[in-house]
């Protein structure tokens, strides 16, 4: 029998809402000259239908004593609600006041490729692109850039379609 040593917690999504959660990782100081300060990893989840609601259970594989920083995206038909969270012991604390988020939109009437994502040593990238209709990540095609001696990626984006993109970084104030 397999043993799992992580933590898990559940949320209930109302009808028409789909929540995804990412854990935020801070890059070690020795890698900061080459890699982004923060990367994210989507939490694995399972779901169960309870009446008209969807109960989702999220799994954190490596709980930290100081807590695990989370970013929570709840996708509805025309909007995304963004919250910060912290998993400490067996409790998830979610921010009561929204944190300001700066964002740009990506839209094209022609098929296009978004290129040149840099990757960290474990192949995580700083920017994540999500299809808001399915809440699935747009997976890049990796390639090796001989000029810069780096692994990079390209994401193919469909025309006439909106995408949600985010990157975690410090405020430069």
C-alpha atoms as a PDB file:
ATOM      1  CA  UNK A   1       0.000   0.000   0.000  1.00  0.00           C
ATOM      2  CA  UNK A   2       1.314   3.434  -0.945  1.00  0.00           C
ATOM      3  CA  UNK A   3       1.721   6.055   1.785  1.00  0.00           C
ATOM      4  CA  UNK A   4       1.174   9.766   1.141  1.00  0.00           C
ATOM      5  CA  UNK A   5       2.769  12.281   3.529  1.00  0.00           C
ATOM      6  CA  UNK A   6       1.304  15.569   2.296  1.00  0.00           C
ATOM      7  CA  UNK A   7      -1.712  17.632   3.314  1.00  0.00           C
ATOM      8  CA  UNK A   8      -5.062  18.133   1.660  1.00  0.00           C
ATOM      9  CA  UNK A   9      -7.982  20.540   1.948  1.00  0.00           C
ATOM     10  CA  UNK A  10     -11.333  20.952   0.220  1.00  0.00           C
ATOM     11  CA  UNK A  11     -13.359  23.818  -1.204  1.00  0.00           C
ATOM     12  CA  UNK A  12     -16.810  23.873  -2.770  1.00  0.00           C
ATOM     13  CA  UNK A  13     -17.329  25.667  -6.068  1.00  0.00           C
ATOM     14  CA  UNK A  14     -20.761  27.132  -6.832  1.00  0.00           C
ATOM     15  CA  UNK A  15     -22.382  26.239 -10.154  1.00  0.00           C
ATOM     16  CA  UNK A  16     -20.526  27.863 -13.077  1.00  0.00           C
ATOM     17  CA  UNK A  17     -17.271  28.366 -11.130  1.00  0.00           C
ATOM     18  CA  UNK A  18     -14.076  26.320 -11.475  1.00  0.00           C
ATOM     19  CA  UNK A  19     -11.233  26.908  -8.991  1.00  0.00           C
ATOM     20  CA  UNK A  20      -7.582  26.050  -9.560  1.00  0.00           C
ATOM     21  CA  UNK A  21      -4.816  26.551  -7.007  1.00  0.00           C
ATOM     22  CA  UNK A  22      -1.074  26.978  -7.439  1.00  0.00           C
ATOM     23  CA  UNK A  23       1.685  26.724  -4.870  1.00  0.00           C
ATOM     24  CA  UNK A  24       4.252  29.529  -5.060  1.00  0.00           C
ATOM     25  CA  UNK A  25       7.959  28.665  -4.762  1.00  0.00           C
ATOM     26  CA  UNK A  26      10.744  31.148  -4.138  1.00  0.00           C
ATOM     27  CA  UNK A  27      13.950  30.497  -6.086  1.00  0.00           C
ATOM     28  CA  UNK A  28      17.091  29.895  -4.017  1.00  0.00           C
ATOM     29  CA  UNK A  29      19.519  32.853  -3.922  1.00  0.00           C
ATOM     30  CA  UNK A  30      22.221  31.027  -5.871  1.00  0.00           C
ATOM     31  CA  UNK A  31      19.895  30.736  -8.908  1.00  0.00           C
ATOM     32  CA  UNK A  32      18.471  34.289  -8.907  1.00  0.00           C
ATOM     33  CA  UNK A  33      20.947  35.604 -11.499  1.00  0.00           C
ATOM     34  CA  UNK A  34      19.613  33.137 -14.127  1.00  0.00           C
ATOM     35  CA  UNK A  35      16.049  32.296 -13.097  1.00  0.00           C
ATOM     36  CA  UNK A  36      12.858  34.071 -12.021  1.00  0.00           C
ATOM     37  CA  UNK A  37      12.452  34.862  -8.337  1.00  0.00           C
ATOM     38  CA  UNK A  38       9.187  32.881  -8.142  1.00  0.00           C
ATOM     39  CA  UNK A  39       7.752  29.850  -9.901  1.00  0.00           C
ATOM     40  CA  UNK A  40       4.407  28.127  -9.421  1.00  0.00           C
ATOM     41  CA  UNK A  41       3.150  24.577  -9.521  1.00  0.00           C
ATOM     42  CA  UNK A  42      -0.501  23.654  -9.916  1.00  0.00           C
ATOM     43  CA  UNK A  43      -1.865  21.564  -7.062  1.00  0.00           C
ATOM     44  CA  UNK A  44      -3.276  18.168  -7.956  1.00  0.00           C
ATOM     45  CA  UNK A  45      -6.969  17.902  -7.206  1.00  0.00           C
ATOM     46  CA  UNK A  46      -9.900  15.517  -7.237  1.00  0.00           C
ATOM     47  CA  UNK A  47     -13.532  16.510  -7.503  1.00  0.00           C
ATOM     48  CA  UNK A  48     -16.869  15.160  -6.433  1.00  0.00           C
ATOM     49  CA  UNK A  49     -20.344  16.412  -7.374  1.00  0.00           C
ATOM     50  CA  UNK A  50     -22.566  17.225  -4.383  1.00  0.00           C
ATOM     51  CA  UNK A  51     -25.989  18.301  -5.669  1.00  0.00           C
ATOM     52  CA  UNK A  52     -25.415  21.377  -7.881  1.00  0.00           C
ATOM     53  CA  UNK A  53     -22.033  22.045  -6.276  1.00  0.00           C
ATOM     54  CA  UNK A  54     -18.561  20.722  -7.008  1.00  0.00           C
ATOM     55  CA  UNK A  55     -16.399  19.752  -4.011  1.00  0.00           C
ATOM     56  CA  UNK A  56     -12.694  19.862  -4.915  1.00  0.00           C
ATOM     57  CA  UNK A  57      -9.937  18.416  -2.754  1.00  0.00           C
ATOM     58  CA  UNK A  58      -6.440  19.860  -3.314  1.00  0.00           C
ATOM     59  CA  UNK A  59      -3.202  18.103  -2.338  1.00  0.00           C
ATOM     60  CA  UNK A  60       0.025  19.731  -1.101  1.00  0.00           C
ATOM     61  CA  UNK A  61       2.848  17.191  -1.352  1.00  0.00           C
ATOM     62  CA  UNK A  62       5.488  19.006   0.719  1.00  0.00           C
ATOM     63  CA  UNK A  63       3.941  20.937   3.638  1.00  0.00           C
ATOM     64  CA  UNK A  64       6.386  23.475   5.113  1.00  0.00           C
ATOM     65  CA  UNK A  65       6.663  24.409   8.801  1.00  0.00           C
ATOM     66  CA  UNK A  66       6.407  28.118   7.878  1.00  0.00           C
ATOM     67  CA  UNK A  67       3.426  27.396   5.628  1.00  0.00           C
ATOM     68  CA  UNK A  68       2.892  26.967   1.900  1.00  0.00           C
ATOM     69  CA  UNK A  69       2.000  30.082  -0.094  1.00  0.00           C
ATOM     70  CA  UNK A  70      -0.950  29.564  -2.437  1.00  0.00           C
ATOM     71  CA  UNK A  71      -2.579  31.595  -5.201  1.00  0.00           C
ATOM     72  CA  UNK A  72      -6.222  30.742  -5.862  1.00  0.00           C
ATOM     73  CA  UNK A  73      -8.025  31.407  -9.156  1.00  0.00           C
ATOM     74  CA  UNK A  74     -11.795  30.974  -9.377  1.00  0.00           C
ATOM     75  CA  UNK A  75     -12.913  31.101 -13.011  1.00  0.00           C
ATOM     76  CA  UNK A  76     -16.509  32.121 -13.770  1.00  0.00           C
ATOM     77  CA  UNK A  77     -18.103  32.832 -17.147  1.00  0.00           C
ATOM     78  CA  UNK A  78     -16.691  36.328 -17.715  1.00  0.00           C
ATOM     79  CA  UNK A  79     -14.277  36.889 -14.829  1.00  0.00           C
ATOM     80  CA  UNK A  80     -11.556  35.467 -12.617  1.00  0.00           C
ATOM     81  CA  UNK A  81     -11.472  36.022  -8.852  1.00  0.00           C
ATOM     82  CA  UNK A  82      -7.922  35.929  -7.451  1.00  0.00           C
ATOM     83  CA  UNK A  83      -7.021  35.268  -3.811  1.00  0.00           C
ATOM     84  CA  UNK A  84      -3.860  34.622  -1.840  1.00  0.00           C
ATOM     85  CA  UNK A  85      -3.776  31.768   0.621  1.00  0.00           C
ATOM     86  CA  UNK A  86      -1.455  30.142   3.116  1.00  0.00           C
ATOM     87  CA  UNK A  87      -1.551  26.513   4.208  1.00  0.00           C
ATOM     88  CA  UNK A  88      -0.331  26.357   7.817  1.00  0.00           C
ATOM     89  CA  UNK A  89      -0.590  23.046   9.670  1.00  0.00           C
ATOM     90  CA  UNK A  90      -4.111  21.805   8.838  1.00  0.00           C
ATOM     91  CA  UNK A  91      -5.628  25.214   8.070  1.00  0.00           C
ATOM     92  CA  UNK A  92      -5.874  27.232   4.849  1.00  0.00           C
ATOM     93  CA  UNK A  93      -5.965  30.975   5.482  1.00  0.00           C
ATOM     94  CA  UNK A  94      -7.321  33.037   2.604  1.00  0.00           C
ATOM     95  CA  UNK A  95      -6.736  36.797   2.322  1.00  0.00           C
ATOM     96  CA  UNK A  96      -9.735  38.903   3.355  1.00  0.00           C
ATOM     97  CA  UNK A  97      -8.718  41.955   1.333  1.00  0.00           C
ATOM     98  CA  UNK A  98      -7.858  41.597  -2.339  1.00  0.00           C
ATOM     99  CA  UNK A  99      -4.240  42.178  -3.232  1.00  0.00           C
ATOM    100  CA  UNK A 100      -3.728  44.440  -6.261  1.00  0.00           C
ATOM    101  CA  UNK A 101      -2.862  42.497  -9.395  1.00  0.00           C
ATOM    102  CA  UNK A 102      -1.427  44.008 -12.535  1.00  0.00           C
ATOM    103  CA  UNK A 103      -2.265  42.196 -15.739  1.00  0.00           C
ATOM    104  CA  UNK A 104      -2.119  42.387 -19.507  1.00  0.00           C
ATOM    105  CA  UNK A 105      -4.447  40.724 -21.979  1.00  0.00           C
ATOM    106  CA  UNK A 106      -3.510  38.530 -24.913  1.00  0.00           C
ATOM    107  CA  UNK A 107      -5.903  38.565 -27.864  1.00  0.00           C
ATOM    108  CA  UNK A 108      -5.375  38.076 -31.562  1.00  0.00           C
ATOM    109  CA  UNK A 109      -7.581  37.563 -34.569  1.00  0.00           C
ATOM    110  CA  UNK A 110      -4.935  35.314 -36.104  1.00  0.00           C
ATOM    111  CA  UNK A 111      -3.348  32.114 -34.831  1.00  0.00           C
ATOM    112  CA  UNK A 112      -0.162  33.076 -33.046  1.00  0.00           C
ATOM    113  CA  UNK A 113       2.706  31.709 -30.992  1.00  0.00           C
ATOM    114  CA  UNK A 114       3.891  33.197 -27.732  1.00  0.00           C
ATOM    115  CA  UNK A 115       7.630  32.482 -27.687  1.00  0.00           C
ATOM    116  CA  UNK A 116      10.738  32.462 -25.576  1.00  0.00           C
ATOM    117  CA  UNK A 117       9.594  31.428 -22.134  1.00  0.00           C
ATOM    118  CA  UNK A 118      12.607  30.797 -19.933  1.00  0.00           C
ATOM    119  CA  UNK A 119      12.578  27.722 -17.731  1.00  0.00           C
ATOM    120  CA  UNK A 120      14.095  27.028 -14.315  1.00  0.00           C
ATOM    121  CA  UNK A 121      16.323  23.952 -13.776  1.00  0.00           C
ATOM    122  CA  UNK A 122      13.233  21.821 -13.001  1.00  0.00           C
ATOM    123  CA  UNK A 123      11.529  23.071 -16.218  1.00  0.00           C
ATOM    124  CA  UNK A 124       9.065  25.365 -14.443  1.00  0.00           C
ATOM    125  CA  UNK A 125       8.394  28.670 -16.132  1.00  0.00           C
ATOM    126  CA  UNK A 126       7.716  32.075 -14.643  1.00  0.00           C
ATOM    127  CA  UNK A 127       4.593  32.796 -16.725  1.00  0.00           C
ATOM    128  CA  UNK A 128       1.557  30.518 -16.800  1.00  0.00           C
ATOM    129  CA  UNK A 129      -1.167  30.711 -19.467  1.00  0.00           C
ATOM    130  CA  UNK A 130      -4.601  29.228 -18.747  1.00  0.00           C
ATOM    131  CA  UNK A 131      -7.594  28.632 -21.010  1.00  0.00           C
ATOM    132  CA  UNK A 132     -10.382  30.205 -18.885  1.00  0.00           C
ATOM    133  CA  UNK A 133     -13.082  27.992 -20.435  1.00  0.00           C
ATOM    134  CA  UNK A 134     -11.427  24.690 -19.470  1.00  0.00           C
ATOM    135  CA  UNK A 135      -9.041  26.034 -16.760  1.00  0.00           C
ATOM    136  CA  UNK A 136      -6.317  23.880 -18.324  1.00  0.00           C
ATOM    137  CA  UNK A 137      -2.790  25.245 -18.761  1.00  0.00           C
ATOM    138  CA  UNK A 138      -1.580  25.884 -22.276  1.00  0.00           C
ATOM    139  CA  UNK A 139       1.350  23.499 -22.477  1.00  0.00           C
ATOM    140  CA  UNK A 140       4.385  24.793 -24.357  1.00  0.00           C
ATOM    141  CA  UNK A 141       6.516  22.981 -26.857  1.00  0.00           C
ATOM    142  CA  UNK A 142      10.068  22.991 -25.490  1.00  0.00           C
ATOM    143  CA  UNK A 143      13.091  23.722 -27.638  1.00  0.00           C
ATOM    144  CA  UNK A 144      16.772  24.361 -27.106  1.00  0.00           C
ATOM    145  CA  UNK A 145      17.980  27.855 -28.072  1.00  0.00           C
ATOM    146  CA  UNK A 146      21.604  27.381 -29.181  1.00  0.00           C
ATOM    147  CA  UNK A 147      22.274  31.135 -29.248  1.00  0.00           C
ATOM    148  CA  UNK A 148      21.488  31.594 -25.550  1.00  0.00           C
ATOM    149  CA  UNK A 149      22.268  27.998 -24.445  1.00  0.00           C
ATOM    150  CA  UNK A 150      18.848  27.745 -22.727  1.00  0.00           C
ATOM    151  CA  UNK A 151      15.729  25.607 -22.787  1.00  0.00           C
ATOM    152  CA  UNK A 152      12.787  27.733 -23.906  1.00  0.00           C
ATOM    153  CA  UNK A 153       9.205  27.147 -24.936  1.00  0.00           C
ATOM    154  CA  UNK A 154       6.488  28.262 -27.365  1.00  0.00           C
ATOM    155  CA  UNK A 155       2.735  28.292 -26.702  1.00  0.00           C
ATOM    156  CA  UNK A 156       0.301  28.160 -29.620  1.00  0.00           C
ATOM    157  CA  UNK A 157      -2.710  30.413 -29.068  1.00  0.00           C
ATOM    158  CA  UNK A 158      -5.956  30.143 -31.024  1.00  0.00           C
ATOM    159  CA  UNK A 159      -7.485  33.201 -32.751  1.00  0.00           C
ATOM    160  CA  UNK A 160     -10.609  34.935 -31.358  1.00  0.00           C
ATOM    161  CA  UNK A 161     -10.037  33.397 -27.936  1.00  0.00           C
ATOM    162  CA  UNK A 162      -9.175  34.948 -24.581  1.00  0.00           C
ATOM    163  CA  UNK A 163      -6.492  33.522 -22.304  1.00  0.00           C
ATOM    164  CA  UNK A 164      -5.599  34.207 -18.694  1.00  0.00           C
ATOM    165  CA  UNK A 165      -1.890  34.662 -18.016  1.00  0.00           C
ATOM    166  CA  UNK A 166      -0.088  35.320 -14.752  1.00  0.00           C
ATOM    167  CA  UNK A 167       3.375  35.671 -13.245  1.00  0.00           C
ATOM    168  CA  UNK A 168       4.297  36.019  -9.569  1.00  0.00           C
ATOM    169  CA  UNK A 169       6.775  38.789  -8.776  1.00  0.00           C
ATOM    170  CA  UNK A 170       7.581  41.380  -6.119  1.00  0.00           C
ATOM    171  CA  UNK A 171       6.258  44.905  -6.333  1.00  0.00           C
ATOM    172  CA  UNK A 172       9.149  47.114  -7.516  1.00  0.00           C
ATOM    173  CA  UNK A 173       8.226  50.037  -5.212  1.00  0.00           C
END
